[in-house]
N, C-alpha and C. Protein backbone atom coordinates (compact mmCIF):
# COMPACT_ATOMS: atom_id res chain seq x y z
N MET A 1 -20.28 -55.72 -53.78
CA MET A 1 -20.84 -56.40 -52.41
C MET A 1 -21.34 -55.55 -51.50
N SER A 2 -22.47 -55.99 -50.76
CA SER A 2 -23.06 -55.38 -49.76
C SER A 2 -23.58 -56.24 -48.66
N LEU A 3 -23.38 -55.85 -47.56
CA LEU A 3 -23.68 -56.56 -46.45
C LEU A 3 -24.53 -55.87 -45.29
N LEU A 4 -25.83 -56.23 -45.04
CA LEU A 4 -26.74 -55.69 -44.25
C LEU A 4 -26.84 -56.50 -42.79
N ILE A 5 -26.51 -55.72 -41.89
CA ILE A 5 -26.75 -56.33 -40.57
C ILE A 5 -27.59 -55.67 -39.74
N PHE A 6 -28.34 -56.25 -38.84
CA PHE A 6 -29.45 -55.72 -38.02
C PHE A 6 -29.07 -56.14 -36.73
N GLN A 7 -28.96 -55.06 -35.56
CA GLN A 7 -28.63 -55.33 -34.05
C GLN A 7 -29.76 -55.06 -33.39
N GLU A 8 -30.15 -55.74 -32.64
CA GLU A 8 -31.24 -55.35 -31.74
C GLU A 8 -30.73 -55.79 -30.10
N THR A 9 -31.00 -54.96 -29.31
CA THR A 9 -30.88 -55.21 -27.91
C THR A 9 -32.04 -54.54 -27.02
N LYS A 10 -32.02 -54.60 -25.69
CA LYS A 10 -33.18 -54.02 -24.82
C LYS A 10 -33.13 -52.69 -24.96
N SER A 11 -32.07 -52.06 -25.43
CA SER A 11 -31.91 -50.48 -25.28
C SER A 11 -31.94 -49.81 -26.56
N PHE A 12 -31.46 -50.46 -27.39
CA PHE A 12 -31.38 -49.83 -28.95
C PHE A 12 -31.57 -50.79 -30.03
N SER A 13 -31.87 -50.27 -31.31
CA SER A 13 -31.49 -51.21 -32.45
C SER A 13 -30.87 -50.34 -33.46
N GLY A 14 -30.12 -50.94 -34.48
CA GLY A 14 -29.38 -50.18 -35.24
C GLY A 14 -29.23 -51.00 -36.64
N LEU A 15 -29.25 -50.31 -37.56
CA LEU A 15 -29.11 -51.01 -38.90
C LEU A 15 -27.81 -50.30 -39.61
N PHE A 16 -26.81 -51.22 -39.90
CA PHE A 16 -25.81 -50.50 -40.45
C PHE A 16 -25.43 -51.35 -41.77
N THR A 17 -24.96 -50.70 -42.78
CA THR A 17 -24.63 -51.28 -44.03
C THR A 17 -23.17 -51.13 -44.29
N LEU A 18 -22.59 -52.10 -44.62
CA LEU A 18 -21.22 -52.22 -45.12
C LEU A 18 -21.00 -52.58 -46.56
N ALA A 19 -20.70 -51.67 -47.40
CA ALA A 19 -20.75 -51.66 -48.76
C ALA A 19 -19.33 -51.41 -49.47
N ARG A 20 -19.04 -52.25 -50.17
CA ARG A 20 -17.69 -52.15 -50.84
C ARG A 20 -17.80 -51.45 -52.37
N LYS A 21 -17.32 -50.32 -52.35
CA LYS A 21 -17.50 -49.67 -53.71
C LYS A 21 -16.20 -49.52 -54.16
N ASP A 22 -16.09 -49.98 -55.36
CA ASP A 22 -14.66 -50.29 -56.18
C ASP A 22 -13.67 -50.99 -54.93
N ASP A 23 -12.49 -51.00 -55.10
CA ASP A 23 -11.63 -51.67 -54.40
C ASP A 23 -11.11 -50.90 -53.29
N ASP A 24 -11.19 -49.46 -53.20
CA ASP A 24 -10.51 -48.58 -52.34
C ASP A 24 -11.53 -47.99 -51.22
N PHE A 25 -12.79 -48.16 -51.31
CA PHE A 25 -13.57 -47.37 -50.53
C PHE A 25 -14.70 -48.14 -49.69
N LEU A 26 -14.72 -48.14 -48.44
CA LEU A 26 -15.55 -48.91 -47.45
C LEU A 26 -16.65 -47.92 -47.09
N ARG A 27 -17.97 -48.06 -46.97
CA ARG A 27 -18.94 -47.09 -46.49
C ARG A 27 -19.67 -47.73 -45.41
N ILE A 28 -19.76 -47.12 -44.46
CA ILE A 28 -20.66 -47.87 -43.27
C ILE A 28 -21.68 -46.68 -42.95
N GLU A 29 -22.88 -47.19 -42.78
CA GLU A 29 -23.97 -46.38 -42.19
C GLU A 29 -24.53 -47.02 -40.98
N TRP A 30 -24.97 -46.16 -40.17
CA TRP A 30 -25.60 -46.79 -38.75
C TRP A 30 -26.88 -45.95 -38.46
N ASP A 31 -28.00 -46.60 -38.45
CA ASP A 31 -29.10 -45.76 -38.08
C ASP A 31 -29.38 -46.22 -36.92
N GLY A 32 -29.66 -45.33 -35.78
CA GLY A 32 -29.73 -45.60 -34.35
C GLY A 32 -28.49 -45.32 -33.71
N ILE A 33 -27.74 -44.33 -34.21
CA ILE A 33 -26.33 -44.15 -33.39
C ILE A 33 -26.74 -43.27 -32.08
N ASN A 34 -27.89 -42.61 -32.01
CA ASN A 34 -28.26 -41.94 -30.76
C ASN A 34 -28.67 -42.82 -29.73
N GLU A 35 -29.29 -43.75 -29.97
CA GLU A 35 -29.83 -45.00 -28.99
C GLU A 35 -28.56 -45.56 -28.50
N LEU A 36 -27.40 -45.94 -29.24
CA LEU A 36 -26.29 -46.50 -28.81
C LEU A 36 -25.62 -45.59 -27.85
N GLU A 37 -25.47 -44.44 -28.25
CA GLU A 37 -24.82 -43.54 -27.38
C GLU A 37 -25.60 -43.31 -26.08
N GLU A 38 -26.77 -43.29 -26.17
CA GLU A 38 -27.63 -43.37 -24.72
C GLU A 38 -27.37 -44.62 -24.11
N TYR A 39 -27.33 -45.64 -24.70
CA TYR A 39 -26.90 -47.05 -24.23
C TYR A 39 -25.64 -46.85 -23.35
N PHE A 40 -24.67 -46.52 -24.01
CA PHE A 40 -23.19 -46.46 -23.48
C PHE A 40 -23.16 -45.49 -22.47
N ASP A 41 -23.92 -44.40 -22.38
CA ASP A 41 -23.88 -43.37 -21.29
C ASP A 41 -24.55 -44.08 -19.97
N LYS A 42 -25.76 -44.67 -20.33
CA LYS A 42 -26.37 -45.43 -19.13
C LYS A 42 -25.54 -46.40 -18.52
N PHE A 43 -24.92 -47.24 -19.54
CA PHE A 43 -24.00 -48.27 -19.14
C PHE A 43 -22.94 -47.83 -18.21
N GLU A 44 -22.30 -46.76 -18.59
CA GLU A 44 -21.18 -46.18 -17.68
C GLU A 44 -21.63 -45.83 -16.22
N LYS A 45 -22.75 -45.17 -16.23
CA LYS A 45 -23.27 -44.91 -14.71
C LYS A 45 -23.67 -46.05 -14.16
N ASP A 46 -24.26 -46.97 -14.83
CA ASP A 46 -24.69 -48.11 -13.93
C ASP A 46 -23.53 -48.93 -13.60
N PHE A 47 -22.35 -49.05 -14.41
CA PHE A 47 -21.24 -49.84 -13.87
C PHE A 47 -20.63 -49.29 -12.90
N GLU A 48 -20.70 -47.95 -12.82
CA GLU A 48 -19.77 -47.24 -11.47
C GLU A 48 -20.61 -47.59 -10.27
N ARG A 49 -22.04 -47.52 -10.42
CA ARG A 49 -22.79 -47.82 -9.25
C ARG A 49 -22.80 -49.32 -8.88
N ILE A 50 -22.58 -50.05 -9.83
CA ILE A 50 -22.81 -51.44 -9.45
C ILE A 50 -21.22 -51.71 -8.92
N LEU A 51 -20.35 -51.15 -9.33
CA LEU A 51 -18.85 -51.53 -8.88
C LEU A 51 -18.71 -51.01 -7.55
N LEU A 52 -19.25 -49.76 -7.16
CA LEU A 52 -19.26 -49.31 -5.75
C LEU A 52 -19.99 -50.34 -4.95
N GLU A 53 -21.17 -50.74 -5.32
CA GLU A 53 -21.82 -51.51 -4.59
C GLU A 53 -21.32 -52.94 -4.27
N GLU A 54 -20.69 -53.37 -5.20
CA GLU A 54 -20.29 -54.92 -5.12
C GLU A 54 -19.05 -54.76 -4.22
N TYR A 55 -18.02 -53.80 -4.49
CA TYR A 55 -16.87 -53.68 -3.64
C TYR A 55 -17.07 -53.27 -2.29
N THR A 56 -18.23 -52.57 -1.95
CA THR A 56 -18.62 -52.37 -0.69
C THR A 56 -19.04 -53.52 0.08
N LYS A 57 -19.74 -54.45 -0.53
CA LYS A 57 -20.15 -55.80 0.03
C LYS A 57 -19.04 -56.72 0.22
N TYR A 58 -17.96 -56.56 -0.70
CA TYR A 58 -16.90 -57.36 -0.66
C TYR A 58 -16.03 -56.83 0.74
N GLY A 59 -16.04 -55.45 0.79
CA GLY A 59 -15.24 -54.95 2.04
C GLY A 59 -15.93 -55.44 3.25
N MET A 60 -17.23 -55.37 3.36
CA MET A 60 -18.01 -55.81 4.48
C MET A 60 -17.70 -57.27 4.83
N LEU A 61 -17.52 -58.29 3.94
CA LEU A 61 -17.09 -59.56 4.16
C LEU A 61 -15.77 -59.62 4.44
N VAL A 62 -14.72 -58.81 4.21
CA VAL A 62 -13.42 -58.99 4.64
C VAL A 62 -13.30 -58.46 6.09
N GLU A 63 -14.23 -57.58 6.32
CA GLU A 63 -14.32 -56.83 7.69
C GLU A 63 -14.97 -58.19 8.62
N GLU A 64 -15.84 -58.76 8.15
CA GLU A 64 -16.33 -59.91 8.94
C GLU A 64 -15.18 -60.97 9.21
N GLY A 65 -14.45 -61.32 8.20
CA GLY A 65 -13.47 -62.11 8.37
C GLY A 65 -12.38 -61.64 9.09
N THR A 66 -12.04 -60.54 9.18
CA THR A 66 -10.85 -60.00 10.01
C THR A 66 -11.30 -60.10 11.46
N LYS A 67 -12.42 -59.72 11.79
CA LYS A 67 -12.92 -59.80 13.16
C LYS A 67 -12.84 -61.08 13.62
N ALA A 68 -13.40 -61.98 12.76
CA ALA A 68 -13.43 -63.59 13.09
C ALA A 68 -12.10 -63.99 13.50
N LEU A 69 -11.15 -63.66 12.70
CA LEU A 69 -9.73 -64.13 12.82
C LEU A 69 -8.70 -63.60 13.56
N VAL A 70 -9.21 -62.19 14.14
CA VAL A 70 -8.15 -61.56 15.05
C VAL A 70 -8.09 -62.06 16.45
N HIS A 71 -7.10 -61.92 17.14
CA HIS A 71 -6.87 -62.31 18.52
C HIS A 71 -8.08 -61.73 19.29
N HIS A 72 -8.31 -62.57 20.30
CA HIS A 72 -9.42 -62.09 21.51
C HIS A 72 -8.90 -62.30 22.72
N ASP A 73 -8.50 -61.13 23.32
CA ASP A 73 -8.53 -61.12 24.88
C ASP A 73 -9.14 -60.35 25.59
N GLU A 74 -9.57 -59.02 25.45
CA GLU A 74 -10.45 -58.25 25.87
C GLU A 74 -11.45 -57.76 24.89
N GLY A 75 -10.95 -58.02 23.58
CA GLY A 75 -11.99 -57.52 22.47
C GLY A 75 -11.69 -56.07 21.98
N ASP A 76 -10.98 -55.40 22.58
CA ASP A 76 -10.67 -54.06 22.03
C ASP A 76 -10.07 -53.90 20.64
N LEU A 77 -9.15 -54.68 20.27
CA LEU A 77 -8.64 -54.97 19.00
C LEU A 77 -9.62 -55.42 18.04
N GLU A 78 -10.45 -56.18 18.36
CA GLU A 78 -11.59 -56.74 17.27
C GLU A 78 -12.67 -55.61 17.16
N ASP A 79 -12.82 -54.77 18.20
CA ASP A 79 -13.89 -53.56 18.18
C ASP A 79 -13.26 -52.69 17.19
N SER A 80 -11.97 -52.27 17.12
CA SER A 80 -11.33 -51.35 16.30
C SER A 80 -11.47 -51.42 14.87
N ILE A 81 -11.45 -52.74 14.60
CA ILE A 81 -11.64 -53.16 13.07
C ILE A 81 -12.88 -52.62 12.43
N SER A 82 -12.73 -51.72 11.17
CA SER A 82 -13.79 -51.35 10.39
C SER A 82 -13.29 -51.21 9.13
N PHE A 83 -14.43 -51.07 8.04
CA PHE A 83 -14.08 -50.98 6.77
C PHE A 83 -14.98 -49.97 6.16
N ASP A 84 -14.65 -49.14 5.41
CA ASP A 84 -15.46 -47.93 4.65
C ASP A 84 -16.05 -48.61 3.55
N LYS A 85 -16.94 -47.65 3.00
CA LYS A 85 -17.62 -48.06 1.90
C LYS A 85 -16.65 -47.87 0.64
N ALA A 86 -17.07 -48.64 -0.34
CA ALA A 86 -15.82 -48.33 -1.63
C ALA A 86 -16.09 -46.85 -2.24
N LYS A 87 -15.03 -46.39 -2.60
CA LYS A 87 -15.14 -45.04 -3.20
C LYS A 87 -14.21 -45.29 -4.57
N ARG A 88 -14.63 -44.13 -5.35
CA ARG A 88 -13.83 -44.04 -6.63
C ARG A 88 -12.86 -43.01 -6.37
N VAL A 89 -11.49 -43.35 -6.69
CA VAL A 89 -10.34 -42.13 -6.67
C VAL A 89 -9.83 -42.30 -7.84
N GLY A 90 -10.01 -41.26 -8.68
CA GLY A 90 -9.44 -41.19 -10.20
C GLY A 90 -10.01 -42.68 -10.91
N ASN A 91 -9.12 -43.44 -11.48
CA ASN A 91 -9.49 -44.47 -11.99
C ASN A 91 -9.50 -45.63 -11.47
N THR A 92 -9.54 -45.66 -9.83
CA THR A 92 -9.37 -46.60 -9.03
C THR A 92 -10.62 -46.80 -8.25
N VAL A 93 -10.83 -47.99 -7.71
CA VAL A 93 -11.90 -47.95 -6.71
C VAL A 93 -11.25 -48.66 -5.58
N ILE A 94 -11.47 -47.99 -4.45
CA ILE A 94 -10.71 -48.33 -3.26
C ILE A 94 -11.66 -48.60 -2.20
N VAL A 95 -11.45 -49.66 -1.13
CA VAL A 95 -11.90 -50.03 -0.28
C VAL A 95 -10.94 -50.03 0.94
N GLU A 96 -11.12 -49.00 1.95
CA GLU A 96 -10.02 -48.84 2.96
C GLU A 96 -10.78 -49.50 4.24
N GLY A 97 -9.88 -50.05 4.97
CA GLY A 97 -10.26 -50.84 6.14
C GLY A 97 -9.23 -51.51 6.91
N GLY A 98 -9.41 -51.60 8.15
CA GLY A 98 -8.59 -52.31 9.10
C GLY A 98 -8.61 -51.77 10.52
N SER A 99 -7.53 -51.42 11.23
CA SER A 99 -7.70 -51.05 12.53
C SER A 99 -6.81 -49.59 12.88
N ASN A 100 -7.09 -48.88 13.48
CA ASN A 100 -6.46 -47.54 13.72
C ASN A 100 -5.47 -47.84 14.98
N SER A 101 -5.42 -49.06 15.64
CA SER A 101 -4.67 -49.29 16.71
C SER A 101 -3.21 -49.66 16.55
N VAL A 102 -2.29 -49.16 17.31
CA VAL A 102 -0.95 -49.54 16.77
C VAL A 102 -0.75 -50.99 17.17
N TYR A 103 -1.39 -51.43 18.18
CA TYR A 103 -1.23 -52.82 18.70
C TYR A 103 -1.74 -54.10 17.54
N ALA A 104 -2.58 -53.41 16.53
CA ALA A 104 -2.98 -54.43 15.40
C ALA A 104 -1.86 -54.75 14.52
N LEU A 105 -1.00 -53.66 14.27
CA LEU A 105 -0.05 -54.05 13.29
C LEU A 105 1.06 -55.03 14.27
N ARG A 106 1.19 -54.69 15.35
CA ARG A 106 2.18 -55.68 16.22
C ARG A 106 1.52 -57.28 16.32
N ARG A 107 0.31 -57.29 16.59
CA ARG A 107 -0.53 -58.41 16.62
C ARG A 107 -0.43 -59.30 15.23
N HIS A 108 -0.47 -58.34 14.18
CA HIS A 108 -0.58 -59.07 12.81
C HIS A 108 0.84 -59.67 12.43
N GLU A 109 1.78 -58.92 12.76
CA GLU A 109 3.20 -59.15 12.11
C GLU A 109 4.12 -60.01 13.03
N GLU A 110 4.01 -59.84 14.41
CA GLU A 110 5.00 -60.38 15.26
C GLU A 110 4.84 -62.06 15.35
N PRO A 111 6.03 -62.55 15.32
CA PRO A 111 6.07 -64.11 15.29
C PRO A 111 5.49 -64.63 16.44
N TYR A 112 4.89 -65.90 16.48
CA TYR A 112 4.34 -66.27 17.66
C TYR A 112 5.46 -66.89 18.77
N ARG A 113 5.02 -66.73 19.80
CA ARG A 113 6.08 -66.93 20.86
C ARG A 113 5.97 -68.35 21.19
N TYR A 114 7.03 -68.92 21.31
CA TYR A 114 7.25 -70.54 21.76
C TYR A 114 6.99 -70.80 23.04
N GLY A 115 6.17 -71.79 23.19
CA GLY A 115 5.95 -72.21 24.56
C GLY A 115 4.66 -71.86 25.22
N VAL A 116 4.57 -72.19 26.56
CA VAL A 116 3.42 -71.91 27.31
C VAL A 116 3.70 -70.79 28.48
N HIS A 117 2.94 -69.68 28.41
CA HIS A 117 3.06 -68.69 29.24
C HIS A 117 2.00 -68.13 30.06
N ASP A 118 2.37 -67.37 31.19
CA ASP A 118 1.50 -66.83 31.84
C ASP A 118 0.88 -65.65 31.60
N LYS A 119 -0.28 -65.19 31.90
CA LYS A 119 -0.67 -63.86 31.67
C LYS A 119 -0.93 -63.01 33.04
N TYR A 120 -0.35 -61.74 33.01
CA TYR A 120 -0.45 -60.89 34.08
C TYR A 120 -1.33 -59.74 33.80
N ASP A 121 -2.35 -59.65 34.70
CA ASP A 121 -3.29 -58.55 34.27
C ASP A 121 -3.97 -58.01 35.60
N ASN A 122 -3.71 -56.44 35.71
CA ASN A 122 -4.04 -55.82 36.83
C ASN A 122 -3.82 -56.45 38.24
N GLY A 123 -2.57 -56.99 38.24
CA GLY A 123 -2.15 -57.69 39.64
C GLY A 123 -2.54 -59.17 39.61
N SER A 124 -3.24 -59.55 38.70
CA SER A 124 -3.70 -61.01 38.64
C SER A 124 -2.73 -61.98 37.77
N LYS A 125 -2.66 -63.19 38.24
CA LYS A 125 -1.90 -63.94 37.43
C LYS A 125 -2.78 -65.30 36.82
N PHE A 126 -2.63 -65.34 35.74
CA PHE A 126 -3.39 -66.37 34.91
C PHE A 126 -2.24 -67.54 34.38
N SER A 127 -2.31 -68.41 35.09
CA SER A 127 -1.20 -69.67 34.65
C SER A 127 -1.59 -70.42 33.32
N ASN A 128 -0.59 -70.38 32.78
CA ASN A 128 -0.52 -71.24 31.44
C ASN A 128 -1.73 -70.64 30.37
N TYR A 129 -1.80 -69.45 30.33
CA TYR A 129 -2.97 -68.67 29.64
C TYR A 129 -2.32 -68.59 28.01
N TYR A 130 -1.20 -68.37 27.79
CA TYR A 130 -0.75 -68.34 26.35
C TYR A 130 -0.04 -69.66 25.95
N VAL A 131 -0.78 -70.31 24.84
CA VAL A 131 -0.27 -71.48 24.46
C VAL A 131 0.26 -71.10 22.87
N TYR A 132 1.64 -71.22 22.90
CA TYR A 132 2.55 -70.91 21.47
C TYR A 132 1.83 -69.45 20.71
N GLY A 133 1.72 -68.48 21.61
CA GLY A 133 1.54 -67.26 21.29
C GLY A 133 -0.11 -66.79 21.04
N ARG A 134 -0.92 -67.95 21.30
CA ARG A 134 -2.31 -67.61 21.34
C ARG A 134 -2.83 -67.70 22.82
N GLY A 135 -3.68 -66.74 23.11
CA GLY A 135 -4.23 -66.72 24.46
C GLY A 135 -5.69 -67.37 24.55
N ARG A 136 -6.03 -67.70 25.51
CA ARG A 136 -7.38 -68.81 25.66
C ARG A 136 -8.46 -68.02 24.91
N GLY A 137 -8.82 -66.82 25.15
CA GLY A 137 -9.85 -66.19 24.21
C GLY A 137 -9.60 -66.43 22.69
N THR A 138 -8.52 -66.28 22.22
CA THR A 138 -8.14 -66.64 20.85
C THR A 138 -8.40 -68.13 20.61
N LEU A 139 -7.68 -68.95 21.22
CA LEU A 139 -7.88 -70.32 21.06
C LEU A 139 -9.53 -70.95 21.22
N GLY A 140 -10.13 -70.12 22.05
CA GLY A 140 -11.65 -70.44 21.81
C GLY A 140 -12.55 -70.03 20.89
N LYS A 141 -11.97 -69.14 20.07
CA LYS A 141 -12.59 -68.62 18.71
C LYS A 141 -12.59 -69.89 17.71
N PRO A 142 -13.66 -70.04 17.06
CA PRO A 142 -13.88 -70.86 15.99
C PRO A 142 -13.08 -70.50 14.67
N GLN A 143 -12.82 -71.47 14.03
CA GLN A 143 -12.12 -71.14 12.63
C GLN A 143 -13.16 -70.43 11.68
N TRP A 144 -12.44 -69.67 10.73
CA TRP A 144 -13.36 -68.96 9.85
C TRP A 144 -12.97 -69.42 8.52
N ARG A 145 -13.81 -70.16 7.69
CA ARG A 145 -13.36 -70.42 6.32
C ARG A 145 -11.96 -71.11 6.30
N GLY A 146 -11.85 -72.07 7.35
CA GLY A 146 -10.57 -72.87 7.36
C GLY A 146 -9.38 -72.25 7.97
N TYR A 147 -9.54 -71.01 8.39
CA TYR A 147 -8.29 -70.43 8.93
C TYR A 147 -8.64 -70.10 10.41
N LYS A 148 -7.48 -70.33 11.34
CA LYS A 148 -7.53 -70.20 12.61
C LYS A 148 -7.37 -68.74 12.96
N PRO A 149 -7.92 -68.38 14.11
CA PRO A 149 -7.69 -66.91 14.72
C PRO A 149 -6.31 -66.95 15.15
N GLY A 150 -5.64 -65.80 14.81
CA GLY A 150 -4.14 -65.40 15.11
C GLY A 150 -3.60 -64.51 14.44
N ARG A 151 -2.28 -64.68 14.18
CA ARG A 151 -1.47 -63.87 13.44
C ARG A 151 -1.96 -63.85 11.88
N LYS A 152 -1.65 -62.65 11.20
CA LYS A 152 -1.92 -62.53 9.85
C LYS A 152 -3.46 -62.62 9.70
N PHE A 153 -4.14 -62.17 10.68
CA PHE A 153 -5.70 -62.10 10.62
C PHE A 153 -6.30 -61.31 9.26
N LEU A 154 -5.78 -60.26 8.99
CA LEU A 154 -6.31 -59.52 7.86
C LEU A 154 -5.88 -60.18 6.41
N GLN A 155 -4.47 -60.60 6.55
CA GLN A 155 -4.13 -61.46 5.32
C GLN A 155 -4.87 -62.75 4.99
N ASN A 156 -5.25 -63.45 6.20
CA ASN A 156 -6.03 -64.64 6.18
C ASN A 156 -7.46 -64.44 5.71
N ALA A 157 -8.02 -63.16 6.18
CA ALA A 157 -9.57 -62.74 5.77
C ALA A 157 -9.54 -62.77 4.19
N ILE A 158 -8.60 -61.91 3.71
CA ILE A 158 -8.33 -61.70 2.23
C ILE A 158 -8.16 -63.17 1.58
N ASN A 159 -7.21 -63.74 1.84
CA ASN A 159 -6.97 -65.17 1.34
C ASN A 159 -8.24 -66.21 1.30
N ALA A 160 -9.05 -65.85 2.46
CA ALA A 160 -10.35 -66.98 2.68
C ALA A 160 -11.31 -66.37 1.74
N THR A 161 -11.27 -65.03 1.35
CA THR A 161 -12.54 -64.56 0.55
C THR A 161 -12.02 -64.52 -1.05
N ASN A 162 -10.96 -65.07 -1.49
CA ASN A 162 -10.54 -64.92 -2.85
C ASN A 162 -11.59 -65.30 -3.79
N PRO A 163 -12.07 -66.59 -3.37
CA PRO A 163 -13.28 -66.91 -4.30
C PRO A 163 -14.27 -66.07 -4.28
N ASP A 164 -14.51 -65.49 -3.24
CA ASP A 164 -15.96 -64.45 -3.36
C ASP A 164 -15.43 -63.23 -4.02
N TYR A 165 -14.16 -62.94 -4.19
CA TYR A 165 -13.47 -61.67 -4.80
C TYR A 165 -13.89 -61.88 -6.51
N ASP A 166 -13.43 -63.12 -6.86
CA ASP A 166 -13.61 -63.60 -8.34
C ASP A 166 -15.04 -63.59 -8.75
N LYS A 167 -15.99 -64.21 -7.83
CA LYS A 167 -17.39 -64.19 -8.10
C LYS A 167 -17.89 -62.73 -8.26
N MET A 168 -17.58 -61.94 -7.41
CA MET A 168 -17.84 -60.51 -7.38
C MET A 168 -17.54 -59.94 -8.76
N ASN A 169 -16.43 -60.01 -9.17
CA ASN A 169 -16.10 -59.43 -10.57
C ASN A 169 -16.76 -59.92 -11.67
N GLU A 170 -17.22 -61.15 -11.52
CA GLU A 170 -18.03 -61.91 -12.62
C GLU A 170 -19.58 -61.26 -12.15
N ARG A 171 -19.90 -61.16 -11.23
CA ARG A 171 -21.32 -60.49 -10.98
C ARG A 171 -21.24 -59.25 -11.46
N ILE A 172 -20.57 -58.42 -11.29
CA ILE A 172 -20.36 -56.90 -11.73
C ILE A 172 -20.47 -56.81 -13.31
N LEU A 173 -19.71 -57.71 -13.85
CA LEU A 173 -19.79 -57.64 -15.31
C LEU A 173 -21.20 -58.25 -15.69
N GLU A 174 -21.67 -59.19 -15.29
CA GLU A 174 -23.08 -59.81 -15.54
C GLU A 174 -24.09 -58.54 -15.36
N ARG A 175 -24.13 -58.06 -14.26
CA ARG A 175 -24.99 -57.00 -13.79
C ARG A 175 -25.01 -55.81 -14.78
N ALA A 176 -23.70 -55.42 -15.12
CA ALA A 176 -23.59 -54.29 -16.04
C ALA A 176 -24.04 -54.44 -17.35
N LEU A 177 -23.87 -55.75 -17.87
CA LEU A 177 -24.07 -56.05 -19.27
C LEU A 177 -25.68 -56.37 -19.42
N ASP A 178 -26.30 -57.02 -18.33
CA ASP A 178 -27.65 -57.33 -18.29
C ASP A 178 -28.62 -56.04 -18.09
N GLY A 179 -27.95 -55.01 -17.76
CA GLY A 179 -28.83 -53.79 -17.61
C GLY A 179 -29.40 -53.69 -16.06
N ASP A 180 -28.55 -54.40 -15.08
CA ASP A 180 -28.71 -54.54 -13.81
C ASP A 180 -30.25 -54.57 -13.62
N LYS A 181 -30.83 -55.68 -13.55
CA LYS A 181 -32.15 -56.11 -13.33
C LYS A 181 -32.68 -55.74 -11.79
N LYS A 182 -31.67 -55.15 -11.02
CA LYS A 182 -32.19 -54.96 -9.65
C LYS A 182 -33.07 -53.79 -9.48
């Protein structure tokens, strides 16, 4: 019994023969193995480049969401938020981001304060400024993808971008398999 299969793609073509000789021997011949190796080498390089590009774009989207959802009083916390480009560390792709402000962690994690409270700043009093933990600046910010600005701003930005994350991973695979037509 003998089976011939011809495989052709954009990058290589191959002809291999699967022949059964007696009952104990299987023979496989592949013509075009060098082209296949070149295709896989190029695929690996393209895949890593595409992965880093797409994860960097996703990091920028999470940065946008985090800034949109963070508290806003004077804007210092919002200005301190930034995300780096994606980088490969070992077998992992990492996108680092957030704020270097100690205040950011406190604002992210601290429970809301119940009631209405005044704000005191530089000797001035602003009556009824805070309403259930959100100041007037924060209350004046629009929602972002269905989330209100306030506590858990980074977590909410990630939650809001979950569909984008899934689409990004599909896009990475499509771009890599299609030979990245960009």
